[in-house]
C-alpha atoms as a PDB file:
ATOM      1  CA  MET A   1       0.000   0.000   0.000  1.00  0.00           C
ATOM      2  CA  ILE A   2       1.344   3.389  -1.009  1.00  0.00           C
ATOM      3  CA  ARG A   3       1.790   5.785   1.928  1.00  0.00           C
ATOM      4  CA  LEU A   4       2.131   9.556   2.112  1.00  0.00           C
ATOM      5  CA  GLN A   5       5.759   8.959   3.089  1.00  0.00           C
ATOM      6  CA  ASP A   6       6.393   7.107  -0.183  1.00  0.00           C
ATOM      7  CA  ILE A   7       5.005  10.005  -2.199  1.00  0.00           C
ATOM      8  CA  ALA A   8       7.012  12.511  -0.134  1.00  0.00           C
ATOM      9  CA  GLU A   9      10.252  10.617  -0.779  1.00  0.00           C
ATOM     10  CA  ARG A  10       9.595  10.412  -4.536  1.00  0.00           C
ATOM     11  CA  ALA A  11       8.635  14.115  -4.712  1.00  0.00           C
ATOM     12  CA  GLN A  12      11.445  15.138  -2.354  1.00  0.00           C
ATOM     13  CA  VAL A  13       9.104  17.141  -0.140  1.00  0.00           C
ATOM     14  CA  SER A  14       7.830  16.747   3.407  1.00  0.00           C
ATOM     15  CA  ILE A  15       4.951  14.449   4.365  1.00  0.00           C
ATOM     16  CA  MET A  16       3.077  17.562   5.511  1.00  0.00           C
ATOM     17  CA  THR A  17       3.395  19.099   2.030  1.00  0.00           C
ATOM     18  CA  VAL A  18       1.996  15.951   0.480  1.00  0.00           C
ATOM     19  CA  SER A  19      -0.902  15.865   2.955  1.00  0.00           C
ATOM     20  CA  LYS A  20      -1.743  19.525   2.398  1.00  0.00           C
ATOM     21  CA  SER A  21      -1.554  19.146  -1.378  1.00  0.00           C
ATOM     22  CA  LEU A  22      -3.995  16.260  -1.385  1.00  0.00           C
ATOM     23  CA  ARG A  23      -6.319  18.217   0.927  1.00  0.00           C
ATOM     24  CA  ASP A  24      -6.128  21.295  -1.326  1.00  0.00           C
ATOM     25  CA  ALA A  25      -4.743  23.474   1.476  1.00  0.00           C
ATOM     26  CA  PRO A  26      -4.529  27.168   0.497  1.00  0.00           C
ATOM     27  CA  ASP A  27      -0.896  27.637   1.608  1.00  0.00           C
ATOM     28  CA  ILE A  28       0.489  25.240  -1.042  1.00  0.00           C
ATOM     29  CA  SER A  29       1.104  26.521  -4.552  1.00  0.00           C
ATOM     30  CA  ALA A  30      -1.066  25.272  -7.411  1.00  0.00           C
ATOM     31  CA  ALA A  31       1.996  23.916  -9.232  1.00  0.00           C
ATOM     32  CA  THR A  32       3.079  21.860  -6.207  1.00  0.00           C
ATOM     33  CA  LYS A  33      -0.456  20.531  -5.689  1.00  0.00           C
ATOM     34  CA  ASP A  34      -0.701  19.491  -9.324  1.00  0.00           C
ATOM     35  CA  ARG A  35       2.701  17.737  -9.227  1.00  0.00           C
ATOM     36  CA  ILE A  36       1.896  15.896  -5.983  1.00  0.00           C
ATOM     37  CA  ARG A  37      -1.532  14.782  -7.197  1.00  0.00           C
ATOM     38  CA  ARG A  38      -0.198  13.489 -10.502  1.00  0.00           C
ATOM     39  CA  LEU A  39       2.543  11.604  -8.703  1.00  0.00           C
ATOM     40  CA  ALA A  40       0.040  10.142  -6.196  1.00  0.00           C
ATOM     41  CA  SER A  41      -2.146   8.968  -9.074  1.00  0.00           C
ATOM     42  CA  GLU A  42       0.796   7.390 -10.911  1.00  0.00           C
ATOM     43  CA  MET A  43       1.862   5.542  -7.756  1.00  0.00           C
ATOM     44  CA  GLY A  44      -1.681   4.246  -7.152  1.00  0.00           C
ATOM     45  CA  TYR A  45      -2.242   6.079  -3.876  1.00  0.00           C
ATOM     46  CA  VAL A  46      -5.687   5.499  -2.304  1.00  0.00           C
ATOM     47  CA  PRO A  47      -6.657   7.832   0.578  1.00  0.00           C
ATOM     48  CA  ASN A  48      -7.467   6.207   3.907  1.00  0.00           C
ATOM     49  CA  SER A  49     -11.079   7.275   4.410  1.00  0.00           C
ATOM     50  CA  ALA A  50     -11.135   5.942   7.972  1.00  0.00           C
ATOM     51  CA  ALA A  51      -8.182   8.115   8.926  1.00  0.00           C
ATOM     52  CA  GLN A  52      -9.748  11.115   7.242  1.00  0.00           C
ATOM     53  CA  GLY A  53     -12.961  10.468   9.141  1.00  0.00           C
ATOM     54  CA  LEU A  54     -11.079  10.558  12.450  1.00  0.00           C
ATOM     55  CA  ARG A  55      -9.652  13.958  11.525  1.00  0.00           C
ATOM     56  CA  ASN A  56     -12.835  15.655  10.340  1.00  0.00           C
ATOM     57  CA  ARG A  57     -15.400  13.554  12.259  1.00  0.00           C
ATOM     58  CA  ARG A  58     -17.069  12.589   8.987  1.00  0.00           C
ATOM     59  CA  THR A  59     -17.132   9.165   7.365  1.00  0.00           C
ATOM     60  CA  GLN A  60     -18.607  10.405   4.066  1.00  0.00           C
ATOM     61  CA  LEU A  61     -21.097   7.548   4.368  1.00  0.00           C
ATOM     62  CA  PHE A  62     -24.875   7.630   4.152  1.00  0.00           C
ATOM     63  CA  GLY A  63     -27.087   4.737   5.207  1.00  0.00           C
ATOM     64  CA  LEU A  64     -30.176   3.751   3.192  1.00  0.00           C
ATOM     65  CA  ILE A  65     -32.762   1.380   4.682  1.00  0.00           C
ATOM     66  CA  ILE A  66     -35.661   0.295   2.464  1.00  0.00           C
ATOM     67  CA  PRO A  67     -38.031  -2.694   2.618  1.00  0.00           C
ATOM     68  CA  ALA A  68     -36.383  -4.456  -0.364  1.00  0.00           C
ATOM     69  CA  SER A  69     -34.527  -3.457  -3.501  1.00  0.00           C
ATOM     70  CA  THR A  70     -36.756  -5.877  -5.425  1.00  0.00           C
ATOM     71  CA  ASP A  71     -39.687  -3.530  -4.764  1.00  0.00           C
ATOM     72  CA  PRO A  72     -39.830  -1.439  -7.961  1.00  0.00           C
ATOM     73  CA  SER A  73     -41.165   1.551  -6.033  1.00  0.00           C
ATOM     74  CA  PHE A  74     -37.737   2.075  -4.497  1.00  0.00           C
ATOM     75  CA  SER A  75     -35.392   1.415  -7.405  1.00  0.00           C
ATOM     76  CA  ARG A  76     -35.573   4.921  -8.901  1.00  0.00           C
ATOM     77  CA  ILE A  77     -35.536   6.606  -5.488  1.00  0.00           C
ATOM     78  CA  SER A  78     -32.461   4.621  -4.409  1.00  0.00           C
ATOM     79  CA  MET A  79     -30.657   5.351  -7.670  1.00  0.00           C
ATOM     80  CA  ALA A  80     -31.335   9.081  -7.389  1.00  0.00           C
ATOM     81  CA  ILE A  81     -30.046   9.145  -3.800  1.00  0.00           C
ATOM     82  CA  GLU A  82     -26.889   7.255  -4.761  1.00  0.00           C
ATOM     83  CA  GLU A  83     -26.224   9.460  -7.805  1.00  0.00           C
ATOM     84  CA  ARG A  84     -26.591  12.713  -5.882  1.00  0.00           C
ATOM     85  CA  ALA A  85     -24.665  11.423  -2.861  1.00  0.00           C
ATOM     86  CA  PHE A  86     -21.827  10.348  -5.180  1.00  0.00           C
ATOM     87  CA  GLU A  87     -21.684  13.849  -6.657  1.00  0.00           C
ATOM     88  CA  LEU A  88     -21.342  15.238  -3.131  1.00  0.00           C
ATOM     89  CA  GLY A  89     -18.529  12.817  -2.260  1.00  0.00           C
ATOM     90  CA  PHE A  90     -20.558  10.377  -0.153  1.00  0.00           C
ATOM     91  CA  ASP A  91     -20.823   6.605  -0.455  1.00  0.00           C
ATOM     92  CA  LEU A  92     -24.085   4.793   0.234  1.00  0.00           C
ATOM     93  CA  ILE A  93     -24.589   1.680   2.371  1.00  0.00           C
ATOM     94  CA  CYS A  94     -27.886  -0.086   1.677  1.00  0.00           C
ATOM     95  CA  ALA A  95     -29.817  -2.471   3.929  1.00  0.00           C
ATOM     96  CA  HIS A  96     -33.217  -4.150   3.666  1.00  0.00           C
ATOM     97  CA  SER A  97     -35.735  -4.189   6.504  1.00  0.00           C
ATOM     98  CA  LEU A  98     -38.057  -6.660   4.696  1.00  0.00           C
ATOM     99  CA  ASN A  99     -40.855  -4.765   6.511  1.00  0.00           C
ATOM    100  CA  GLN A 100     -39.836  -6.447   9.754  1.00  0.00           C
ATOM    101  CA  VAL A 101     -39.618  -4.188  12.820  1.00  0.00           C
ATOM    102  CA  ALA A 102     -36.861  -6.190  14.533  1.00  0.00           C
ATOM    103  CA  ARG A 103     -34.765  -6.373  11.370  1.00  0.00           C
ATOM    104  CA  GLU A 104     -35.222  -2.636  10.753  1.00  0.00           C
ATOM    105  CA  GLU A 105     -33.931  -1.872  14.254  1.00  0.00           C
ATOM    106  CA  HIS A 106     -30.949  -4.157  13.663  1.00  0.00           C
ATOM    107  CA  CYS A 107     -30.190  -2.404  10.349  1.00  0.00           C
ATOM    108  CA  ILE A 108     -30.330   1.025  11.991  1.00  0.00           C
ATOM    109  CA  ARG A 109     -27.961  -0.007  14.769  1.00  0.00           C
ATOM    110  CA  ARG A 110     -25.514  -1.489  12.248  1.00  0.00           C
ATOM    111  CA  MET A 111     -25.546   1.808  10.375  1.00  0.00           C
ATOM    112  CA  LEU A 112     -24.890   3.720  13.593  1.00  0.00           C
ATOM    113  CA  ALA A 113     -21.980   1.387  14.343  1.00  0.00           C
ATOM    114  CA  ARG A 114     -20.514   2.347  10.956  1.00  0.00           C
ATOM    115  CA  ARG A 115     -20.753   6.011  12.047  1.00  0.00           C
ATOM    116  CA  VAL A 116     -22.765   7.053   8.990  1.00  0.00           C
ATOM    117  CA  ASP A 117     -23.139  10.805   8.561  1.00  0.00           C
ATOM    118  CA  GLY A 118     -26.863  10.466   7.861  1.00  0.00           C
ATOM    119  CA  LEU A 119     -29.682   7.970   7.360  1.00  0.00           C
ATOM    120  CA  PHE A 120     -32.406   7.642   4.731  1.00  0.00           C
ATOM    121  CA  ILE A 121     -35.153   5.328   6.020  1.00  0.00           C
ATOM    122  CA  CYS A 122     -38.400   4.070   4.539  1.00  0.00           C
ATOM    123  CA  PRO A 123     -39.942   2.995   7.857  1.00  0.00           C
ATOM    124  CA  THR A 124     -41.592  -0.290   8.610  1.00  0.00           C
ATOM    125  CA  TYR A 125     -45.018   1.035   9.508  1.00  0.00           C
ATOM    126  CA  ARG A 126     -46.685  -0.406  12.589  1.00  0.00           C
ATOM    127  CA  LEU A 127     -49.612   0.510  14.793  1.00  0.00           C
ATOM    128  CA  GLN A 128     -47.465   1.216  17.850  1.00  0.00           C
ATOM    129  CA  SER A 129     -47.010   4.912  18.636  1.00  0.00           C
ATOM    130  CA  LYS A 130     -43.500   4.507  20.089  1.00  0.00           C
ATOM    131  CA  SER A 131     -40.221   3.112  18.795  1.00  0.00           C
ATOM    132  CA  ASP A 132     -37.100   2.946  20.945  1.00  0.00           C
ATOM    133  CA  VAL A 133     -34.707   3.016  18.023  1.00  0.00           C
ATOM    134  CA  PHE A 134     -36.368   6.047  16.376  1.00  0.00           C
ATOM    135  CA  ASP A 135     -36.417   7.806  19.747  1.00  0.00           C
ATOM    136  CA  GLU A 136     -32.698   7.073  19.997  1.00  0.00           C
ATOM    137  CA  LEU A 137     -32.054   8.531  16.543  1.00  0.00           C
ATOM    138  CA  TRP A 138     -33.907  11.694  17.514  1.00  0.00           C
ATOM    139  CA  ASN A 139     -32.207  12.054  20.908  1.00  0.00           C
ATOM    140  CA  ARG A 140     -28.754  11.487  19.382  1.00  0.00           C
ATOM    141  CA  GLN A 141     -29.580  14.038  16.660  1.00  0.00           C
ATOM    142  CA  VAL A 142     -28.571  11.660  13.879  1.00  0.00           C
ATOM    143  CA  PRO A 143     -29.440  13.403  10.556  1.00  0.00           C
ATOM    144  CA  THR A 144     -32.336  11.257   9.325  1.00  0.00           C
ATOM    145  CA  VAL A 145     -34.658  11.645   6.350  1.00  0.00           C
ATOM    146  CA  ILE A 146     -37.875   9.617   6.257  1.00  0.00           C
ATOM    147  CA  LEU A 147     -38.658   8.340   2.752  1.00  0.00           C
ATOM    148  CA  GLY A 148     -42.413   8.522   2.847  1.00  0.00           C
ATOM    149  CA  HIS A 149     -44.898   9.727   5.388  1.00  0.00           C
ATOM    150  CA  ARG A 150     -44.064  10.273   9.018  1.00  0.00           C
ATOM    151  CA  ALA A 151     -45.972   8.179  11.550  1.00  0.00           C
ATOM    152  CA  PRO A 152     -46.703   8.446  15.306  1.00  0.00           C
ATOM    153  CA  PHE A 153     -43.471   6.580  16.109  1.00  0.00           C
ATOM    154  CA  CYS A 154     -41.357   9.009  14.009  1.00  0.00           C
ATOM    155  CA  PRO A 155     -43.292  12.312  14.018  1.00  0.00           C
ATOM    156  CA  ASN A 156     -40.501  14.875  14.148  1.00  0.00           C
ATOM    157  CA  PHE A 157     -38.050  13.776  11.469  1.00  0.00           C
ATOM    158  CA  ALA A 158     -37.489  15.488   8.145  1.00  0.00           C
ATOM    159  CA  SER A 159     -39.295  13.686   5.331  1.00  0.00           C
ATOM    160  CA  VAL A 160     -39.982  13.581   1.599  1.00  0.00           C
ATOM    161  CA  GLU A 161     -43.253  12.125   0.415  1.00  0.00           C
ATOM    162  CA  THR A 162     -45.856  12.065  -2.332  1.00  0.00           C
ATOM    163  CA  GLU A 163     -49.173  13.946  -2.191  1.00  0.00           C
ATOM    164  CA  ASP A 164     -51.002  10.640  -1.896  1.00  0.00           C
ATOM    165  CA  ILE A 165     -54.469  12.029  -1.160  1.00  0.00           C
ATOM    166  CA  LEU A 166     -54.362  14.190  -4.281  1.00  0.00           C
ATOM    167  CA  GLY A 167     -52.918  11.401  -6.442  1.00  0.00           C
ATOM    168  CA  SER A 168     -55.576   8.884  -5.407  1.00  0.00           C
ATOM    169  CA  TYR A 169     -58.260  11.544  -5.755  1.00  0.00           C
ATOM    170  CA  LYS A 170     -57.174  12.120  -9.368  1.00  0.00           C
ATOM    171  CA  ALA A 171     -57.438   8.399 -10.152  1.00  0.00           C
ATOM    172  CA  THR A 172     -60.935   8.100  -8.669  1.00  0.00           C
ATOM    173  CA  ARG A 173     -62.083  11.300 -10.389  1.00  0.00           C
ATOM    174  CA  HIS A 174     -60.882   9.879 -13.697  1.00  0.00           C
ATOM    175  CA  LEU A 175     -63.005   6.760 -13.200  1.00  0.00           C
ATOM    176  CA  LEU A 176     -66.001   8.839 -12.142  1.00  0.00           C
ATOM    177  CA  GLN A 177     -65.662  11.087 -15.175  1.00  0.00           C
ATOM    178  CA  LEU A 178     -65.710   8.007 -17.390  1.00  0.00           C
ATOM    179  CA  GLY A 179     -69.106   7.178 -15.891  1.00  0.00           C
ATOM    180  CA  HIS A 180     -68.236   4.568 -13.237  1.00  0.00           C
ATOM    181  CA  ARG A 181     -70.378   4.780 -10.110  1.00  0.00           C
ATOM    182  CA  ARG A 182     -69.441   1.581  -8.319  1.00  0.00           C
ATOM    183  CA  ILE A 183     -65.678   1.571  -7.894  1.00  0.00           C
ATOM    184  CA  ALA A 184     -64.029  -1.092  -5.759  1.00  0.00           C
ATOM    185  CA  PHE A 185     -60.917  -0.114  -3.789  1.00  0.00           C
ATOM    186  CA  LEU A 186     -58.119  -2.564  -2.927  1.00  0.00           C
ATOM    187  CA  ALA A 187     -56.588  -1.098   0.218  1.00  0.00           C
ATOM    188  CA  GLY A 188     -53.043  -1.441   1.561  1.00  0.00           C
ATOM    189  CA  ASN A 189     -51.452  -1.837   4.984  1.00  0.00           C
ATOM    190  CA  PRO A 190     -53.791  -0.068   7.452  1.00  0.00           C
ATOM    191  CA  ALA A 191     -50.776   1.084   9.485  1.00  0.00           C
ATOM    192  CA  SER A 192     -49.214   2.837   6.488  1.00  0.00           C
ATOM    193  CA  PRO A 193     -49.958   6.592   6.247  1.00  0.00           C
ATOM    194  CA  ALA A 194     -49.588   6.389   2.452  1.00  0.00           C
ATOM    195  CA  SER A 195     -52.253   3.670   2.292  1.00  0.00           C
ATOM    196  CA  GLN A 196     -54.502   5.712   4.569  1.00  0.00           C
ATOM    197  CA  GLU A 197     -54.089   8.802   2.389  1.00  0.00           C
ATOM    198  CA  ARG A 198     -54.807   6.903  -0.835  1.00  0.00           C
ATOM    199  CA  MET A 199     -57.986   5.560   0.747  1.00  0.00           C
ATOM    200  CA  GLU A 200     -58.927   9.095   1.781  1.00  0.00           C
ATOM    201  CA  GLY A 201     -58.366  10.392  -1.761  1.00  0.00           C
ATOM    202  CA  TYR A 202     -60.741   7.714  -3.059  1.00  0.00           C
ATOM    203  CA  ARG A 203     -63.370   8.550  -0.443  1.00  0.00           C
ATOM    204  CA  ARG A 204     -63.038  12.293  -1.017  1.00  0.00           C
ATOM    205  CA  ALA A 205     -63.609  11.979  -4.763  1.00  0.00           C
ATOM    206  CA  LEU A 206     -66.717   9.859  -4.180  1.00  0.00           C
ATOM    207  CA  ARG A 207     -68.146  12.309  -1.647  1.00  0.00           C
ATOM    208  CA  GLU A 208     -67.535  15.289  -3.915  1.00  0.00           C
ATOM    209  CA  SER A 209     -69.477  13.473  -6.654  1.00  0.00           C
ATOM    210  CA  GLY A 210     -72.433  12.997  -4.305  1.00  0.00           C
ATOM    211  CA  LEU A 211     -71.863   9.249  -3.895  1.00  0.00           C
ATOM    212  CA  ASP A 212     -71.987   7.359  -0.628  1.00  0.00           C
ATOM    213  CA  VAL A 213     -68.806   5.596   0.412  1.00  0.00           C
ATOM    214  CA  ASP A 214     -69.819   1.924   0.309  1.00  0.00           C
ATOM    215  CA  ASP A 215     -67.600  -0.092   2.632  1.00  0.00           C
ATOM    216  CA  SER A 216     -68.680  -3.285   0.871  1.00  0.00           C
ATOM    217  CA  LEU A 217     -66.574  -2.071  -2.085  1.00  0.00           C
ATOM    218  CA  VAL A 218     -63.378  -1.819  -0.004  1.00  0.00           C
ATOM    219  CA  PHE A 219     -61.187  -4.929   0.150  1.00  0.00           C
ATOM    220  CA  GLN A 220     -58.021  -5.400   2.188  1.00  0.00           C
ATOM    221  CA  ALA A 221     -55.212  -6.284  -0.190  1.00  0.00           C
ATOM    222  CA  GLY A 222     -51.700  -5.361   0.931  1.00  0.00           C
ATOM    223  CA  SER A 223     -48.850  -4.408  -1.368  1.00  0.00           C
ATOM    224  CA  THR A 224     -47.925  -7.337  -3.631  1.00  0.00           C
ATOM    225  CA  ILE A 225     -49.193  -8.942  -6.838  1.00  0.00           C
ATOM    226  CA  GLU A 226     -50.193 -12.074  -4.934  1.00  0.00           C
ATOM    227  CA  GLU A 227     -52.172 -10.047  -2.393  1.00  0.00           C
ATOM    228  CA  GLY A 228     -53.871  -8.199  -5.248  1.00  0.00           C
ATOM    229  CA  GLU A 229     -54.929 -11.487  -6.827  1.00  0.00           C
ATOM    230  CA  LYS A 230     -56.256 -12.804  -3.528  1.00  0.00           C
ATOM    231  CA  ALA A 231     -58.256  -9.634  -2.780  1.00  0.00           C
ATOM    232  CA  THR A 232     -59.715  -9.629  -6.299  1.00  0.00           C
ATOM    233  CA  ALA A 233     -60.795 -13.257  -5.945  1.00  0.00           C
ATOM    234  CA  GLN A 234     -62.768 -12.195  -2.878  1.00  0.00           C
ATOM    235  CA  PHE A 235     -64.098  -9.158  -4.794  1.00  0.00           C
ATOM    236  CA  ALA A 236     -65.329 -11.454  -7.591  1.00  0.00           C
ATOM    237  CA  GLN A 237     -67.113 -13.751  -5.127  1.00  0.00           C
ATOM    238  CA  GLU A 238     -68.920 -10.830  -3.468  1.00  0.00           C
ATOM    239  CA  LYS A 239     -70.722  -9.883  -6.714  1.00  0.00           C
ATOM    240  CA  THR A 240     -70.612  -6.158  -5.931  1.00  0.00           C
ATOM    241  CA  ASN A 241     -71.594  -5.057  -9.451  1.00  0.00           C
ATOM    242  CA  ALA A 242     -68.557  -2.787  -9.482  1.00  0.00           C
ATOM    243  CA  THR A 243     -67.476  -1.650 -12.947  1.00  0.00           C
ATOM    244  CA  ALA A 244     -63.988  -0.502 -11.930  1.00  0.00           C
ATOM    245  CA  VAL A 245     -61.218  -1.459  -9.521  1.00  0.00           C
ATOM    246  CA  GLN A 246     -58.788   1.036  -8.036  1.00  0.00           C
ATOM    247  CA  ALA A 247     -55.735  -0.323  -6.220  1.00  0.00           C
ATOM    248  CA  VAL A 248     -53.455   1.124  -3.561  1.00  0.00           C
ATOM    249  CA  ASN A 249     -50.407   0.513  -5.788  1.00  0.00           C
ATOM    250  CA  ASP A 250     -49.450  -0.845  -9.191  1.00  0.00           C
ATOM    251  CA  LEU A 251     -48.408  -4.287  -7.966  1.00  0.00           C
ATOM    252  CA  VAL A 252     -51.821  -4.834  -6.373  1.00  0.00           C
ATOM    253  CA  ALA A 253     -53.477  -3.470  -9.528  1.00  0.00           C
ATOM    254  CA  ILE A 254     -51.484  -5.897 -11.686  1.00  0.00           C
ATOM    255  CA  GLY A 255     -52.508  -8.752  -9.394  1.00  0.00           C
ATOM    256  CA  ALA A 256     -56.134  -7.657  -9.728  1.00  0.00           C
ATOM    257  CA  ALA A 257     -55.925  -7.371 -13.515  1.00  0.00           C
ATOM    258  CA  SER A 258     -54.191 -10.752 -13.807  1.00  0.00           C
ATOM    259  CA  PHE A 259     -56.960 -12.457 -11.847  1.00  0.00           C
ATOM    260  CA  LEU A 260     -59.723 -10.758 -13.852  1.00  0.00           C
ATOM    261  CA  LEU A 261     -58.122 -11.721 -17.161  1.00  0.00           C
ATOM    262  CA  SER A 262     -57.700 -15.311 -15.963  1.00  0.00           C
ATOM    263  CA  GLN A 263     -61.461 -15.439 -15.351  1.00  0.00           C
ATOM    264  CA  GLY A 264     -62.233 -14.269 -18.873  1.00  0.00           C
ATOM    265  CA  ILE A 265     -63.100 -10.733 -17.769  1.00  0.00           C
ATOM    266  CA  LYS A 266     -61.939  -8.210 -20.360  1.00  0.00           C
ATOM    267  CA  ILE A 267     -60.096  -5.036 -19.335  1.00  0.00           C
ATOM    268  CA  PRO A 268     -61.354  -2.344 -19.760  1.00  0.00           C
ATOM    269  CA  GLU A 269     -64.474  -3.570 -21.624  1.00  0.00           C
ATOM    270  CA  ASP A 270     -65.868  -5.504 -18.639  1.00  0.00           C
ATOM    271  CA  CYS A 271     -63.963  -3.815 -15.808  1.00  0.00           C
ATOM    272  CA  SER A 272     -61.585  -0.858 -15.629  1.00  0.00           C
ATOM    273  CA  VAL A 273     -58.466  -1.095 -13.447  1.00  0.00           C
ATOM    274  CA  ALA A 274     -56.311   1.750 -12.057  1.00  0.00           C
ATOM    275  CA  GLY A 275     -53.161   1.653  -9.932  1.00  0.00           C
ATOM    276  CA  PHE A 276     -50.751   4.009  -8.182  1.00  0.00           C
ATOM    277  CA  GLY A 277     -46.997   4.457  -8.603  1.00  0.00           C
ATOM    278  CA  ASN A 278     -46.266   4.080 -12.330  1.00  0.00           C
ATOM    279  CA  ILE A 279     -43.656   1.373 -11.878  1.00  0.00           C
ATOM    280  CA  LEU A 280     -41.986   0.236 -15.102  1.00  0.00           C
ATOM    281  CA  VAL A 281     -44.043  -2.933 -15.526  1.00  0.00           C
ATOM    282  CA  SER A 282     -47.320  -0.978 -15.386  1.00  0.00           C
ATOM    283  CA  GLU A 283     -46.664   0.447 -18.855  1.00  0.00           C
ATOM    284  CA  HIS A 284     -45.722  -2.959 -20.279  1.00  0.00           C
ATOM    285  CA  PHE A 285     -48.416  -5.106 -18.653  1.00  0.00           C
ATOM    286  CA  ARG A 286     -50.739  -7.068 -20.995  1.00  0.00           C
ATOM    287  CA  VAL A 287     -53.170  -4.163 -20.670  1.00  0.00           C
ATOM    288  CA  PRO A 288     -51.086  -1.011 -20.050  1.00  0.00           C
ATOM    289  CA  LEU A 289     -52.163   0.322 -16.675  1.00  0.00           C
ATOM    290  CA  THR A 290     -53.746   3.672 -15.893  1.00  0.00           C
ATOM    291  CA  THR A 291     -51.947   4.896 -12.790  1.00  0.00           C
ATOM    292  CA  VAL A 292     -50.577   7.831 -10.813  1.00  0.00           C
ATOM    293  CA  ARG A 293     -46.971   8.645 -11.623  1.00  0.00           C
ATOM    294  CA  GLN A 294     -44.923   8.992  -8.439  1.00  0.00           C
ATOM    295  CA  PRO A 295     -42.007  11.407  -8.993  1.00  0.00           C
ATOM    296  CA  LYS A 296     -39.529   8.796  -7.761  1.00  0.00           C
ATOM    297  CA  HIS A 297     -36.336  10.365  -9.124  1.00  0.00           C
ATOM    298  CA  ARG A 298     -37.342  13.777  -7.802  1.00  0.00           C
ATOM    299  CA  LEU A 299     -38.135  12.229  -4.422  1.00  0.00           C
ATOM    300  CA  GLY A 300     -34.591  10.820  -4.239  1.00  0.00           C
ATOM    301  CA  ILE A 301     -33.013  14.138  -5.221  1.00  0.00           C
ATOM    302  CA  ALA A 302     -35.218  15.980  -2.720  1.00  0.00           C
ATOM    303  CA  ALA A 303     -34.176  13.527   0.015  1.00  0.00           C
ATOM    304  CA  VAL A 304     -30.505  14.375  -0.488  1.00  0.00           C
ATOM    305  CA  GLU A 305     -31.296  18.107  -0.565  1.00  0.00           C
ATOM    306  CA  VAL A 306     -33.078  17.712   2.773  1.00  0.00           C
ATOM    307  CA  MET A 307     -30.103  15.749   4.128  1.00  0.00           C
ATOM    308  CA  GLN A 308     -27.740  18.582   3.143  1.00  0.00           C
ATOM    309  CA  LYS A 309     -29.859  20.988   5.189  1.00  0.00           C
ATOM    310  CA  LEU A 310     -29.730  18.644   8.189  1.00  0.00           C
ATOM    311  CA  LEU A 311     -25.942  18.368   7.943  1.00  0.00           C
ATOM    312  CA  GLN A 312     -25.800  22.167   7.997  1.00  0.00           C
ATOM    313  CA  GLY A 313     -27.777  22.228  11.235  1.00  0.00           C
ATOM    314  CA  GLU A 314     -31.088  23.286   9.682  1.00  0.00           C
ATOM    315  CA  MET A 315     -34.482  21.578  10.052  1.00  0.00           C
ATOM    316  CA  PRO A 316     -36.185  21.770   6.650  1.00  0.00           C
ATOM    317  CA  PRO A 317     -39.972  21.518   6.225  1.00  0.00           C
ATOM    318  CA  VAL A 318     -41.645  18.364   4.933  1.00  0.00           C
ATOM    319  CA  ARG A 319     -41.222  18.015   1.155  1.00  0.00           C
ATOM    320  CA  ARG A 320     -44.404  16.790  -0.549  1.00  0.00           C
ATOM    321  CA  LEU A 321     -44.261  16.205  -4.300  1.00  0.00           C
ATOM    322  CA  ILE A 322     -47.264  15.937  -6.600  1.00  0.00           C
ATOM    323  CA  GLY A 323     -47.797  12.961  -8.912  1.00  0.00           C
ATOM    324  CA  ASP A 324     -49.551  13.066 -12.289  1.00  0.00           C
ATOM    325  CA  LEU A 325     -52.312  10.843 -13.601  1.00  0.00           C
ATOM    326  CA  VAL A 326     -51.171   8.642 -16.493  1.00  0.00           C
ATOM    327  CA  ILE A 327     -54.116   7.383 -18.556  1.00  0.00           C
ATOM    328  CA  ARG A 328     -53.548   4.147 -20.471  1.00  0.00           C
ATOM    329  CA  GLU A 329     -55.655   1.329 -21.922  1.00  0.00           C
ATOM    330  CA  SER A 330     -56.870  -0.250 -18.664  1.00  0.00           C
ATOM    331  CA  THR A 331     -59.650   2.302 -18.091  1.00  0.00           C
ATOM    332  CA  ALA A 332     -62.642   3.178 -20.275  1.00  0.00           C
ATOM    333  CA  LYS A 333     -66.338   4.036 -20.030  1.00  0.00           C
ATOM    334  CA  PRO A 334     -68.528   1.285 -18.560  1.00  0.00           C
ATOM    335  CA  ARG A 335     -70.622  -0.637 -21.065  1.00  0.00           C
ATOM    336  CA  ASP A 336     -74.333   0.139 -21.096  1.00  0.00           C
ATOM    337  CA  GLY A 337     -76.498  -2.267 -19.138  1.00  0.00           C
ATOM    338  CA  ARG A 338     -73.630  -3.828 -17.217  1.00  0.00           C
END
C-alpha cells in the first residue's frame, strides 16, 4: 500500500506538504499541488477514508434502509439518492428491513456502528405509537430523512413524500368522469400513512361526486401482486356489481388485472383497473395500466437536498411532491347495461 511517506520521498518534499496538497490546502502553490496529485495517481495512492474520518469527524457515508430493492417503487428513489450522494462525495450503504420491525432496528444499529453521517429510512409502519430506536435517533440528533410519510413513532423527522391524497383523488375522479359509479378499492397496509391517504383520496372523490362511500366495495389487499390477486378473488365472489377497480399501488393493480383476465373478464371492456406508482411494468403489462406517476427520481433528489440541510444544522420543512395521472388502456367508459 502506497503511503504519504512514499510520495514525499519520490517528490522530495515533506509528508506535511503531500498531505496539504492532497487536501487542497490554500498555503500550497497550485503547481506543487498538481505535481503531488499526478505523482500520487501514478503511484496508485488510495486515501485512507477511515483516517480522514477521524480527523474531520465525517465518514462520508450515508445509510439507506428500504423494505427491499426488489420492490420497484424504491429502485428509482435509491438510484437518485446514490447518484446525488456520489456527486457530493458520499458513499451509500444499503440495507433491507423486509418490513420487519426487529430487522429494521438491527439495520439502523448497524448503520450507527458504521458512524454514517446520515440515514435515509423508509420505515416499517406499525400501529405502535413509540419506537425505541427512532427515539434514539432523535435524541442522538442523527441526521435522518424519512422516505415517505411520518408516523406516530417518528413524528418529528425530516421527510420527503408524495401527495397521496391528491394522487388517489385524481385516479378516482378519472373513473367517475368516465361514468363509473361503483368503484371497488383494494386497500393497503392499514398502518401505512400512504395507504390511509390513498384511501382518503378515493373517499373524497366519491363524496364530492355525491356518492356514498360503500364499505362493501373496499377490500383489504396489501402491497404485492399475490395479495392483489387474492383480494380480487374475494371481490369477484362478493358480486358487488362494481365496474372498476382502483388499487393502492401498481403491484396490487397488476394482481387484480391478472386475476380478472384469468377469469375471462376483459379489461377495460368488462372492468376498468387503475393503480398508483407508475412502476416500469405498469406500462408494459398485458393491458397497459392507468396509474398515478410517483415522482420517484425527484423524491430521491429531494431527500438528499433535505439531508444537506440537516448536515448544515437546519431543520427543513416536509417536502411533498405531486404525482400526475397517467391514462392508459386499462380504463374506459362502462358498457351500457352492465
